[in-house]
């Protein structure tokens, strides 16, 4: 939709050019003078050479004098709490960390949890890591039948294909709910354990949407030379591996080597030995390395 200010600007420009036979004004959204005349329409006689030259000289000056279009400001994003529930068509509700007060479009970070985990926990930890300036979309997955209790339900993901569909549906729901504030560009994919494993497969075939990844305690075994090449060829840029266990660190280093050979920048960081987790010291190491992941992406520095 063309902003009202742009329509006013075009109208003023048209009024200033009404005497210029060589130029015409069309409806907003189309460059002036580009629409062909309708069939059977009458046309004015051609100007004499001198008159035409005068018109041509006057046109740039008239255009320069027209006021420039000013983009409408975006109202600050408002929400009742930093974490909100998001209805997702065809899937259980997701959890979203929202950039309260944002007056510009903000990027999206996908935070996929591990097995026997909860999206609320991922969103909370990742808000602490990335701050409150981006949307953090945490897909829920499906409930586990062996959850501790009805009040403590844990979740998993059925397959990477199903998780991919849930993410797509979640992004569509997020853009529908916050149409003025969600940036339409690539998202940053992060995953822990099962979320990292499945995310590797998703990113290998959807690199244009997820060119940068943060894989915590998982996702390294899936990077074969073929998947690494597919990710690179599709636009993959950077992969950060975060490990809290020695076995993870060795496997991540091997995966990083395959990705580097394919042309993808990688980094492996280790927290102190902390077990299979993503919070605490692991979150601290992730936060320290996040600047490298988003380096060069101006969207992450918007106010």
C-alpha atoms as a PDB file:
ATOM      1  CA  UNK A   1       0.000   0.000   0.000  1.00  0.00           C
ATOM      2  CA  UNK A   2       1.410   3.417  -0.989  1.00  0.00           C
ATOM      3  CA  UNK A   3       1.850   5.716   2.052  1.00  0.00           C
ATOM      4  CA  UNK A   4      -0.425   8.806   2.046  1.00  0.00           C
ATOM      5  CA  UNK A   5       2.662  11.028   2.066  1.00  0.00           C
ATOM      6  CA  UNK A   6       3.854   9.425  -1.166  1.00  0.00           C
ATOM      7  CA  UNK A   7       0.442   9.980  -2.795  1.00  0.00           C
ATOM      8  CA  UNK A   8       0.502  13.665  -1.767  1.00  0.00           C
ATOM      9  CA  UNK A   9       4.033  14.015  -3.118  1.00  0.00           C
ATOM     10  CA  UNK A  10       3.014  12.511  -6.463  1.00  0.00           C
ATOM     11  CA  UNK A  11      -0.077  14.748  -6.641  1.00  0.00           C
ATOM     12  CA  UNK A  12       2.000  17.894  -6.062  1.00  0.00           C
ATOM     13  CA  UNK A  13       4.470  16.763  -8.694  1.00  0.00           C
ATOM     14  CA  UNK A  14       1.643  16.210 -11.151  1.00  0.00           C
ATOM     15  CA  UNK A  15       0.201  19.695 -10.547  1.00  0.00           C
ATOM     16  CA  UNK A  16       3.580  21.286 -11.147  1.00  0.00           C
ATOM     17  CA  UNK A  17       3.905  19.418 -14.444  1.00  0.00           C
ATOM     18  CA  UNK A  18       0.449  20.011 -15.861  1.00  0.00           C
ATOM     19  CA  UNK A  19       1.904  22.299 -18.545  1.00  0.00           C
ATOM     20  CA  UNK A  20       4.595  19.802 -19.539  1.00  0.00           C
ATOM     21  CA  UNK A  21       3.178  17.873 -22.514  1.00  0.00           C
ATOM     22  CA  UNK A  22       5.983  15.341 -22.486  1.00  0.00           C
ATOM     23  CA  UNK A  23       5.141  14.032 -19.009  1.00  0.00           C
ATOM     24  CA  UNK A  24       2.039  12.340 -17.570  1.00  0.00           C
ATOM     25  CA  UNK A  25       0.843  11.243 -14.123  1.00  0.00           C
ATOM     26  CA  UNK A  26      -0.391   7.753 -13.444  1.00  0.00           C
ATOM     27  CA  UNK A  27      -1.903   6.102 -10.369  1.00  0.00           C
ATOM     28  CA  UNK A  28       0.367   5.579  -7.335  1.00  0.00           C
ATOM     29  CA  UNK A  29       2.699   2.619  -7.706  1.00  0.00           C
ATOM     30  CA  UNK A  30       3.436   3.133 -11.414  1.00  0.00           C
ATOM     31  CA  UNK A  31       6.150   5.396 -12.787  1.00  0.00           C
ATOM     32  CA  UNK A  32       4.725   8.555 -14.336  1.00  0.00           C
ATOM     33  CA  UNK A  33       4.429   8.494 -18.095  1.00  0.00           C
ATOM     34  CA  UNK A  34       4.853   4.720 -18.489  1.00  0.00           C
ATOM     35  CA  UNK A  35       1.230   3.702 -19.078  1.00  0.00           C
ATOM     36  CA  UNK A  36       0.240   3.484 -22.774  1.00  0.00           C
ATOM     37  CA  UNK A  37      -2.676   5.601 -23.952  1.00  0.00           C
ATOM     38  CA  UNK A  38      -5.954   3.682 -24.134  1.00  0.00           C
ATOM     39  CA  UNK A  39      -7.125   2.601 -27.581  1.00  0.00           C
ATOM     40  CA  UNK A  40      -9.000   5.383 -29.374  1.00  0.00           C
ATOM     41  CA  UNK A  41      -7.816   8.131 -27.049  1.00  0.00           C
ATOM     42  CA  UNK A  42      -7.062  11.484 -28.631  1.00  0.00           C
ATOM     43  CA  UNK A  43      -3.552  12.885 -28.430  1.00  0.00           C
ATOM     44  CA  UNK A  44      -2.386  16.486 -28.381  1.00  0.00           C
ATOM     45  CA  UNK A  45      -0.462  17.831 -31.402  1.00  0.00           C
ATOM     46  CA  UNK A  46       3.294  17.572 -31.169  1.00  0.00           C
ATOM     47  CA  UNK A  47       5.025  20.645 -29.742  1.00  0.00           C
ATOM     48  CA  UNK A  48       7.299  22.710 -31.899  1.00  0.00           C
ATOM     49  CA  UNK A  49      11.016  22.073 -31.456  1.00  0.00           C
ATOM     50  CA  UNK A  50      11.590  25.206 -29.375  1.00  0.00           C
ATOM     51  CA  UNK A  51       8.572  24.595 -27.158  1.00  0.00           C
ATOM     52  CA  UNK A  52       9.537  20.966 -26.671  1.00  0.00           C
ATOM     53  CA  UNK A  53      13.061  21.959 -25.654  1.00  0.00           C
ATOM     54  CA  UNK A  54      11.670  24.425 -23.124  1.00  0.00           C
ATOM     55  CA  UNK A  55       9.372  21.782 -21.715  1.00  0.00           C
ATOM     56  CA  UNK A  56      12.233  19.285 -21.426  1.00  0.00           C
ATOM     57  CA  UNK A  57      14.373  21.818 -19.591  1.00  0.00           C
ATOM     58  CA  UNK A  58      11.582  22.742 -17.191  1.00  0.00           C
ATOM     59  CA  UNK A  59      10.658  19.182 -16.257  1.00  0.00           C
ATOM     60  CA  UNK A  60      13.753  18.297 -14.158  1.00  0.00           C
ATOM     61  CA  UNK A  61      13.481  21.582 -12.263  1.00  0.00           C
ATOM     62  CA  UNK A  62       9.811  20.959 -11.516  1.00  0.00           C
ATOM     63  CA  UNK A  63      10.529  17.436 -10.328  1.00  0.00           C
ATOM     64  CA  UNK A  64      13.368  18.658  -8.130  1.00  0.00           C
ATOM     65  CA  UNK A  65      11.055  21.221  -6.549  1.00  0.00           C
ATOM     66  CA  UNK A  66       8.438  18.608  -5.614  1.00  0.00           C
ATOM     67  CA  UNK A  67       8.563  17.564  -1.938  1.00  0.00           C
ATOM     68  CA  UNK A  68      10.190  14.174  -1.281  1.00  0.00           C
ATOM     69  CA  UNK A  69       7.993  11.322  -0.090  1.00  0.00           C
ATOM     70  CA  UNK A  70       8.373  10.575   3.616  1.00  0.00           C
ATOM     71  CA  UNK A  71       7.797   7.056   4.904  1.00  0.00           C
ATOM     72  CA  UNK A  72       5.133   6.732   7.552  1.00  0.00           C
ATOM     73  CA  UNK A  73       6.568   5.970  10.996  1.00  0.00           C
ATOM     74  CA  UNK A  74       5.761   2.577  12.476  1.00  0.00           C
ATOM     75  CA  UNK A  75       3.893   2.691  15.761  1.00  0.00           C
ATOM     76  CA  UNK A  76       5.806   1.138  18.676  1.00  0.00           C
ATOM     77  CA  UNK A  77       5.078  -2.561  19.074  1.00  0.00           C
ATOM     78  CA  UNK A  78       2.974  -3.244  22.135  1.00  0.00           C
ATOM     79  CA  UNK A  79       2.451  -6.511  23.993  1.00  0.00           C
ATOM     80  CA  UNK A  80       1.203  -7.506  27.425  1.00  0.00           C
ATOM     81  CA  UNK A  81       4.397  -9.423  28.223  1.00  0.00           C
ATOM     82  CA  UNK A  82       7.816 -10.161  26.666  1.00  0.00           C
ATOM     83  CA  UNK A  83       6.719 -13.737  25.883  1.00  0.00           C
ATOM     84  CA  UNK A  84       3.382 -14.246  24.137  1.00  0.00           C
ATOM     85  CA  UNK A  85       1.493 -17.246  22.839  1.00  0.00           C
ATOM     86  CA  UNK A  86       1.021 -17.413  19.065  1.00  0.00           C
ATOM     87  CA  UNK A  87      -1.752 -19.433  17.443  1.00  0.00           C
ATOM     88  CA  UNK A  88      -0.329 -21.442  14.521  1.00  0.00           C
ATOM     89  CA  UNK A  89      -2.671 -22.919  11.932  1.00  0.00           C
ATOM     90  CA  UNK A  90      -2.454 -26.707  11.852  1.00  0.00           C
ATOM     91  CA  UNK A  91      -0.080 -26.918  14.834  1.00  0.00           C
ATOM     92  CA  UNK A  92      -0.033 -26.319  18.587  1.00  0.00           C
ATOM     93  CA  UNK A  93       0.584 -22.729  19.634  1.00  0.00           C
ATOM     94  CA  UNK A  94       4.120 -21.393  19.520  1.00  0.00           C
ATOM     95  CA  UNK A  95       5.805 -19.094  22.022  1.00  0.00           C
ATOM     96  CA  UNK A  96       7.259 -15.787  20.830  1.00  0.00           C
ATOM     97  CA  UNK A  97       9.598 -13.316  22.473  1.00  0.00           C
ATOM     98  CA  UNK A  98       8.535  -9.930  21.079  1.00  0.00           C
ATOM     99  CA  UNK A  99      10.606  -6.731  20.692  1.00  0.00           C
ATOM    100  CA  UNK A 100       8.366  -4.465  22.770  1.00  0.00           C
ATOM    101  CA  UNK A 101       8.631  -0.836  21.690  1.00  0.00           C
ATOM    102  CA  UNK A 102      10.163  -1.589  18.276  1.00  0.00           C
ATOM    103  CA  UNK A 103       9.469   1.133  15.699  1.00  0.00           C
ATOM    104  CA  UNK A 104      11.105  -0.630  12.748  1.00  0.00           C
ATOM    105  CA  UNK A 105      11.050  -4.079  11.221  1.00  0.00           C
ATOM    106  CA  UNK A 106      12.976  -6.614  13.268  1.00  0.00           C
ATOM    107  CA  UNK A 107      14.580  -9.924  12.260  1.00  0.00           C
ATOM    108  CA  UNK A 108      13.348 -13.321  13.400  1.00  0.00           C
ATOM    109  CA  UNK A 109      15.299 -15.928  15.350  1.00  0.00           C
ATOM    110  CA  UNK A 110      13.951 -19.482  15.344  1.00  0.00           C
ATOM    111  CA  UNK A 111      14.703 -21.334  18.603  1.00  0.00           C
ATOM    112  CA  UNK A 112      13.954 -25.063  18.310  1.00  0.00           C
ATOM    113  CA  UNK A 113      14.075 -27.022  21.552  1.00  0.00           C
ATOM    114  CA  UNK A 114      15.405 -30.483  22.325  1.00  0.00           C
ATOM    115  CA  UNK A 115      13.598 -33.705  23.136  1.00  0.00           C
ATOM    116  CA  UNK A 116      11.608 -33.673  26.389  1.00  0.00           C
ATOM    117  CA  UNK A 117      11.844 -29.877  26.405  1.00  0.00           C
ATOM    118  CA  UNK A 118       9.551 -26.836  26.315  1.00  0.00           C
ATOM    119  CA  UNK A 119       9.384 -23.855  23.920  1.00  0.00           C
ATOM    120  CA  UNK A 120       8.885 -21.466  26.856  1.00  0.00           C
ATOM    121  CA  UNK A 121      12.293 -22.429  28.211  1.00  0.00           C
ATOM    122  CA  UNK A 122      14.003 -21.902  24.856  1.00  0.00           C
ATOM    123  CA  UNK A 123      12.397 -18.487  24.355  1.00  0.00           C
ATOM    124  CA  UNK A 124      13.350 -17.374  27.850  1.00  0.00           C
ATOM    125  CA  UNK A 125      16.992 -18.427  27.481  1.00  0.00           C
ATOM    126  CA  UNK A 126      17.315 -17.003  23.992  1.00  0.00           C
ATOM    127  CA  UNK A 127      15.812 -13.673  25.011  1.00  0.00           C
ATOM    128  CA  UNK A 128      18.591 -13.502  27.573  1.00  0.00           C
ATOM    129  CA  UNK A 129      21.180 -14.342  24.892  1.00  0.00           C
ATOM    130  CA  UNK A 130      19.946 -12.181  22.006  1.00  0.00           C
ATOM    131  CA  UNK A 131      18.175  -9.451  23.969  1.00  0.00           C
ATOM    132  CA  UNK A 132      14.738  -7.999  23.384  1.00  0.00           C
ATOM    133  CA  UNK A 133      15.359  -6.427  19.980  1.00  0.00           C
ATOM    134  CA  UNK A 134      14.273  -9.324  17.736  1.00  0.00           C
ATOM    135  CA  UNK A 135      11.382 -11.727  17.379  1.00  0.00           C
ATOM    136  CA  UNK A 136      12.229 -15.147  18.808  1.00  0.00           C
ATOM    137  CA  UNK A 137       9.863 -17.807  17.474  1.00  0.00           C
ATOM    138  CA  UNK A 138       9.865 -21.036  19.490  1.00  0.00           C
ATOM    139  CA  UNK A 139       7.900 -23.875  17.811  1.00  0.00           C
ATOM    140  CA  UNK A 140       6.183 -26.245  20.224  1.00  0.00           C
ATOM    141  CA  UNK A 141       6.165 -29.616  18.475  1.00  0.00           C
ATOM    142  CA  UNK A 142       4.085 -32.457  19.928  1.00  0.00           C
ATOM    143  CA  UNK A 143       3.484 -33.431  23.544  1.00  0.00           C
ATOM    144  CA  UNK A 144       5.234 -36.492  24.935  1.00  0.00           C
ATOM    145  CA  UNK A 145       3.033 -39.133  26.507  1.00  0.00           C
ATOM    146  CA  UNK A 146       5.644 -39.684  29.236  1.00  0.00           C
ATOM    147  CA  UNK A 147       5.602 -36.076  30.468  1.00  0.00           C
ATOM    148  CA  UNK A 148       6.029 -35.723  34.236  1.00  0.00           C
ATOM    149  CA  UNK A 149       2.461 -34.537  34.775  1.00  0.00           C
ATOM    150  CA  UNK A 150      -0.497 -32.756  33.199  1.00  0.00           C
ATOM    151  CA  UNK A 151       0.876 -29.487  34.540  1.00  0.00           C
ATOM    152  CA  UNK A 152       4.418 -30.221  33.305  1.00  0.00           C
ATOM    153  CA  UNK A 153       4.040 -31.321  29.690  1.00  0.00           C
ATOM    154  CA  UNK A 154       7.213 -31.874  27.687  1.00  0.00           C
ATOM    155  CA  UNK A 155       7.515 -31.789  23.913  1.00  0.00           C
ATOM    156  CA  UNK A 156       9.425 -33.279  20.993  1.00  0.00           C
ATOM    157  CA  UNK A 157       9.411 -32.992  17.183  1.00  0.00           C
ATOM    158  CA  UNK A 158       8.138 -35.804  14.975  1.00  0.00           C
ATOM    159  CA  UNK A 159      10.572 -35.279  12.071  1.00  0.00           C
ATOM    160  CA  UNK A 160      12.616 -32.545  10.443  1.00  0.00           C
ATOM    161  CA  UNK A 161      10.034 -32.345   7.646  1.00  0.00           C
ATOM    162  CA  UNK A 162       7.235 -31.807  10.150  1.00  0.00           C
ATOM    163  CA  UNK A 163       9.288 -29.248  12.080  1.00  0.00           C
ATOM    164  CA  UNK A 164       9.970 -27.418   8.824  1.00  0.00           C
ATOM    165  CA  UNK A 165       6.226 -27.205   8.150  1.00  0.00           C
ATOM    166  CA  UNK A 166       5.605 -25.962  11.692  1.00  0.00           C
ATOM    167  CA  UNK A 167       8.237 -23.252  11.305  1.00  0.00           C
ATOM    168  CA  UNK A 168       6.737 -22.098   8.002  1.00  0.00           C
ATOM    169  CA  UNK A 169       3.271 -21.947   9.568  1.00  0.00           C
ATOM    170  CA  UNK A 170       4.687 -20.138  12.594  1.00  0.00           C
ATOM    171  CA  UNK A 171       6.401 -17.519  10.441  1.00  0.00           C
ATOM    172  CA  UNK A 172       3.161 -16.938   8.529  1.00  0.00           C
ATOM    173  CA  UNK A 173       1.252 -16.506  11.796  1.00  0.00           C
ATOM    174  CA  UNK A 174       3.898 -14.167  13.184  1.00  0.00           C
ATOM    175  CA  UNK A 175       3.803 -11.944  10.089  1.00  0.00           C
ATOM    176  CA  UNK A 176       0.008 -11.878  10.183  1.00  0.00           C
ATOM    177  CA  UNK A 177      -0.029 -10.823  13.835  1.00  0.00           C
ATOM    178  CA  UNK A 178       2.750  -8.215  13.587  1.00  0.00           C
ATOM    179  CA  UNK A 179       2.647  -7.208   9.886  1.00  0.00           C
ATOM    180  CA  UNK A 180       4.440  -3.882  10.325  1.00  0.00           C
ATOM    181  CA  UNK A 181       7.219  -5.117  12.593  1.00  0.00           C
ATOM    182  CA  UNK A 182       8.370  -8.509  11.283  1.00  0.00           C
ATOM    183  CA  UNK A 183      11.257  -8.329   8.838  1.00  0.00           C
ATOM    184  CA  UNK A 184      10.498 -10.467   5.769  1.00  0.00           C
ATOM    185  CA  UNK A 185      14.097 -11.460   5.176  1.00  0.00           C
ATOM    186  CA  UNK A 186      16.091 -14.542   6.238  1.00  0.00           C
ATOM    187  CA  UNK A 187      15.755 -15.869   9.786  1.00  0.00           C
ATOM    188  CA  UNK A 188      18.492 -16.966  12.156  1.00  0.00           C
ATOM    189  CA  UNK A 189      17.994 -20.651  12.991  1.00  0.00           C
ATOM    190  CA  UNK A 190      19.051 -21.911  16.404  1.00  0.00           C
ATOM    191  CA  UNK A 191      18.475 -25.361  17.809  1.00  0.00           C
ATOM    192  CA  UNK A 192      19.404 -27.383  20.847  1.00  0.00           C
ATOM    193  CA  UNK A 193      20.028 -31.140  20.687  1.00  0.00           C
ATOM    194  CA  UNK A 194      17.088 -32.556  18.673  1.00  0.00           C
ATOM    195  CA  UNK A 195      16.315 -29.058  17.369  1.00  0.00           C
ATOM    196  CA  UNK A 196      19.923 -28.765  16.179  1.00  0.00           C
ATOM    197  CA  UNK A 197      19.905 -32.206  14.550  1.00  0.00           C
ATOM    198  CA  UNK A 198      16.705 -31.528  12.640  1.00  0.00           C
ATOM    199  CA  UNK A 199      17.723 -27.962  11.887  1.00  0.00           C
ATOM    200  CA  UNK A 200      20.817 -29.133  10.029  1.00  0.00           C
ATOM    201  CA  UNK A 201      18.678 -31.057   7.566  1.00  0.00           C
ATOM    202  CA  UNK A 202      16.210 -28.186   7.190  1.00  0.00           C
ATOM    203  CA  UNK A 203      18.929 -25.599   6.603  1.00  0.00           C
ATOM    204  CA  UNK A 204      20.713 -27.773   4.053  1.00  0.00           C
ATOM    205  CA  UNK A 205      17.642 -27.563   1.802  1.00  0.00           C
ATOM    206  CA  UNK A 206      16.460 -24.087   2.898  1.00  0.00           C
ATOM    207  CA  UNK A 207      19.713 -22.127   3.093  1.00  0.00           C
ATOM    208  CA  UNK A 208      18.174 -19.003   1.575  1.00  0.00           C
ATOM    209  CA  UNK A 209      15.773 -18.779   4.514  1.00  0.00           C
ATOM    210  CA  UNK A 210      18.291 -19.938   7.143  1.00  0.00           C
ATOM    211  CA  UNK A 211      21.761 -18.821   5.971  1.00  0.00           C
ATOM    212  CA  UNK A 212      23.131 -18.556   9.524  1.00  0.00           C
ATOM    213  CA  UNK A 213      22.833 -21.207  12.220  1.00  0.00           C
ATOM    214  CA  UNK A 214      23.569 -21.683  15.908  1.00  0.00           C
ATOM    215  CA  UNK A 215      23.642 -25.396  16.778  1.00  0.00           C
ATOM    216  CA  UNK A 216      23.936 -26.176  20.487  1.00  0.00           C
ATOM    217  CA  UNK A 217      24.937 -29.656  21.635  1.00  0.00           C
ATOM    218  CA  UNK A 218      23.916 -31.345  18.397  1.00  0.00           C
ATOM    219  CA  UNK A 219      23.535 -31.039  14.646  1.00  0.00           C
ATOM    220  CA  UNK A 220      27.129 -31.858  13.754  1.00  0.00           C
ATOM    221  CA  UNK A 221      26.770 -35.467  12.588  1.00  0.00           C
ATOM    222  CA  UNK A 222      24.411 -34.537   9.747  1.00  0.00           C
ATOM    223  CA  UNK A 223      26.950 -32.366   7.898  1.00  0.00           C
ATOM    224  CA  UNK A 224      28.217 -34.713   5.198  1.00  0.00           C
ATOM    225  CA  UNK A 225      30.191 -33.284   2.263  1.00  0.00           C
ATOM    226  CA  UNK A 226      26.949 -33.392   0.226  1.00  0.00           C
ATOM    227  CA  UNK A 227      24.809 -31.511   2.766  1.00  0.00           C
ATOM    228  CA  UNK A 228      27.593 -29.008   3.406  1.00  0.00           C
ATOM    229  CA  UNK A 229      27.821 -28.305  -0.333  1.00  0.00           C
ATOM    230  CA  UNK A 230      24.028 -28.014  -0.623  1.00  0.00           C
ATOM    231  CA  UNK A 231      23.984 -25.483   2.218  1.00  0.00           C
ATOM    232  CA  UNK A 232      26.807 -23.463   0.681  1.00  0.00           C
ATOM    233  CA  UNK A 233      25.334 -23.555  -2.829  1.00  0.00           C
ATOM    234  CA  UNK A 234      21.954 -22.453  -1.478  1.00  0.00           C
ATOM    235  CA  UNK A 235      23.375 -19.354   0.187  1.00  0.00           C
ATOM    236  CA  UNK A 236      24.537 -20.691   3.561  1.00  0.00           C
ATOM    237  CA  UNK A 237      26.931 -18.277   5.252  1.00  0.00           C
ATOM    238  CA  UNK A 238      27.835 -19.097   8.850  1.00  0.00           C
ATOM    239  CA  UNK A 239      27.438 -21.914  11.347  1.00  0.00           C
ATOM    240  CA  UNK A 240      28.237 -21.644  15.044  1.00  0.00           C
ATOM    241  CA  UNK A 241      28.585 -24.883  17.002  1.00  0.00           C
ATOM    242  CA  UNK A 242      28.280 -24.576  20.788  1.00  0.00           C
ATOM    243  CA  UNK A 243      29.309 -27.504  22.964  1.00  0.00           C
ATOM    244  CA  UNK A 244      29.329 -28.262  26.663  1.00  0.00           C
ATOM    245  CA  UNK A 245      30.728 -31.800  26.400  1.00  0.00           C
ATOM    246  CA  UNK A 246      34.009 -33.102  25.019  1.00  0.00           C
ATOM    247  CA  UNK A 247      32.355 -35.522  22.608  1.00  0.00           C
ATOM    248  CA  UNK A 248      30.290 -32.747  21.107  1.00  0.00           C
ATOM    249  CA  UNK A 249      33.373 -30.573  20.627  1.00  0.00           C
ATOM    250  CA  UNK A 250      35.252 -33.217  18.633  1.00  0.00           C
ATOM    251  CA  UNK A 251      32.277 -33.989  16.383  1.00  0.00           C
ATOM    252  CA  UNK A 252      31.566 -30.300  15.852  1.00  0.00           C
ATOM    253  CA  UNK A 253      35.169 -29.652  14.806  1.00  0.00           C
ATOM    254  CA  UNK A 254      34.906 -32.398  12.162  1.00  0.00           C
ATOM    255  CA  UNK A 255      31.614 -30.955  10.863  1.00  0.00           C
ATOM    256  CA  UNK A 256      33.108 -27.473  10.797  1.00  0.00           C
ATOM    257  CA  UNK A 257      35.953 -28.715   8.628  1.00  0.00           C
ATOM    258  CA  UNK A 258      33.513 -30.130   6.079  1.00  0.00           C
ATOM    259  CA  UNK A 259      31.521 -26.900   6.024  1.00  0.00           C
ATOM    260  CA  UNK A 260      34.655 -24.778   5.670  1.00  0.00           C
ATOM    261  CA  UNK A 261      35.764 -26.915   2.730  1.00  0.00           C
ATOM    262  CA  UNK A 262      32.409 -26.205   1.073  1.00  0.00           C
ATOM    263  CA  UNK A 263      32.892 -22.457   1.588  1.00  0.00           C
ATOM    264  CA  UNK A 264      30.844 -21.838   4.759  1.00  0.00           C
ATOM    265  CA  UNK A 265      32.362 -19.875   7.636  1.00  0.00           C
ATOM    266  CA  UNK A 266      32.223 -21.785  10.917  1.00  0.00           C
ATOM    267  CA  UNK A 267      33.166 -21.442  14.541  1.00  0.00           C
ATOM    268  CA  UNK A 268      33.189 -23.957  17.407  1.00  0.00           C
ATOM    269  CA  UNK A 269      32.984 -22.704  20.986  1.00  0.00           C
ATOM    270  CA  UNK A 270      33.155 -24.730  24.204  1.00  0.00           C
ATOM    271  CA  UNK A 271      31.787 -23.875  27.589  1.00  0.00           C
ATOM    272  CA  UNK A 272      33.208 -25.496  30.669  1.00  0.00           C
ATOM    273  CA  UNK A 273      32.085 -29.091  31.065  1.00  0.00           C
ATOM    274  CA  UNK A 274      28.419 -28.597  31.943  1.00  0.00           C
ATOM    275  CA  UNK A 275      26.555 -31.622  30.638  1.00  0.00           C
ATOM    276  CA  UNK A 276      23.900 -31.688  27.954  1.00  0.00           C
ATOM    277  CA  UNK A 277      22.299 -28.267  28.424  1.00  0.00           C
ATOM    278  CA  UNK A 278      21.795 -24.887  26.786  1.00  0.00           C
ATOM    279  CA  UNK A 279      21.451 -22.539  29.755  1.00  0.00           C
ATOM    280  CA  UNK A 280      23.953 -21.331  32.337  1.00  0.00           C
ATOM    281  CA  UNK A 281      27.575 -21.411  31.108  1.00  0.00           C
ATOM    282  CA  UNK A 282      26.487 -22.699  27.691  1.00  0.00           C
ATOM    283  CA  UNK A 283      24.201 -19.684  27.201  1.00  0.00           C
ATOM    284  CA  UNK A 284      27.034 -17.393  28.286  1.00  0.00           C
ATOM    285  CA  UNK A 285      29.374 -18.810  25.637  1.00  0.00           C
ATOM    286  CA  UNK A 286      26.612 -18.592  23.033  1.00  0.00           C
ATOM    287  CA  UNK A 287      26.031 -14.941  23.859  1.00  0.00           C
ATOM    288  CA  UNK A 288      29.731 -14.147  23.553  1.00  0.00           C
ATOM    289  CA  UNK A 289      29.856 -15.702  20.085  1.00  0.00           C
ATOM    290  CA  UNK A 290      26.538 -14.354  18.783  1.00  0.00           C
ATOM    291  CA  UNK A 291      28.141 -11.147  17.516  1.00  0.00           C
ATOM    292  CA  UNK A 292      30.145 -13.192  15.025  1.00  0.00           C
ATOM    293  CA  UNK A 293      27.012 -14.976  13.803  1.00  0.00           C
ATOM    294  CA  UNK A 294      25.082 -11.764  13.033  1.00  0.00           C
ATOM    295  CA  UNK A 295      28.096  -9.750  11.916  1.00  0.00           C
ATOM    296  CA  UNK A 296      27.339  -7.679   8.813  1.00  0.00           C
ATOM    297  CA  UNK A 297      23.549  -8.007   9.161  1.00  0.00           C
ATOM    298  CA  UNK A 298      22.357  -4.456   9.864  1.00  0.00           C
ATOM    299  CA  UNK A 299      18.857  -5.633  10.776  1.00  0.00           C
ATOM    300  CA  UNK A 300      20.140  -6.814  14.141  1.00  0.00           C
ATOM    301  CA  UNK A 301      21.323  -3.320  15.042  1.00  0.00           C
ATOM    302  CA  UNK A 302      18.090  -1.439  14.238  1.00  0.00           C
ATOM    303  CA  UNK A 303      16.448   0.661  16.933  1.00  0.00           C
END
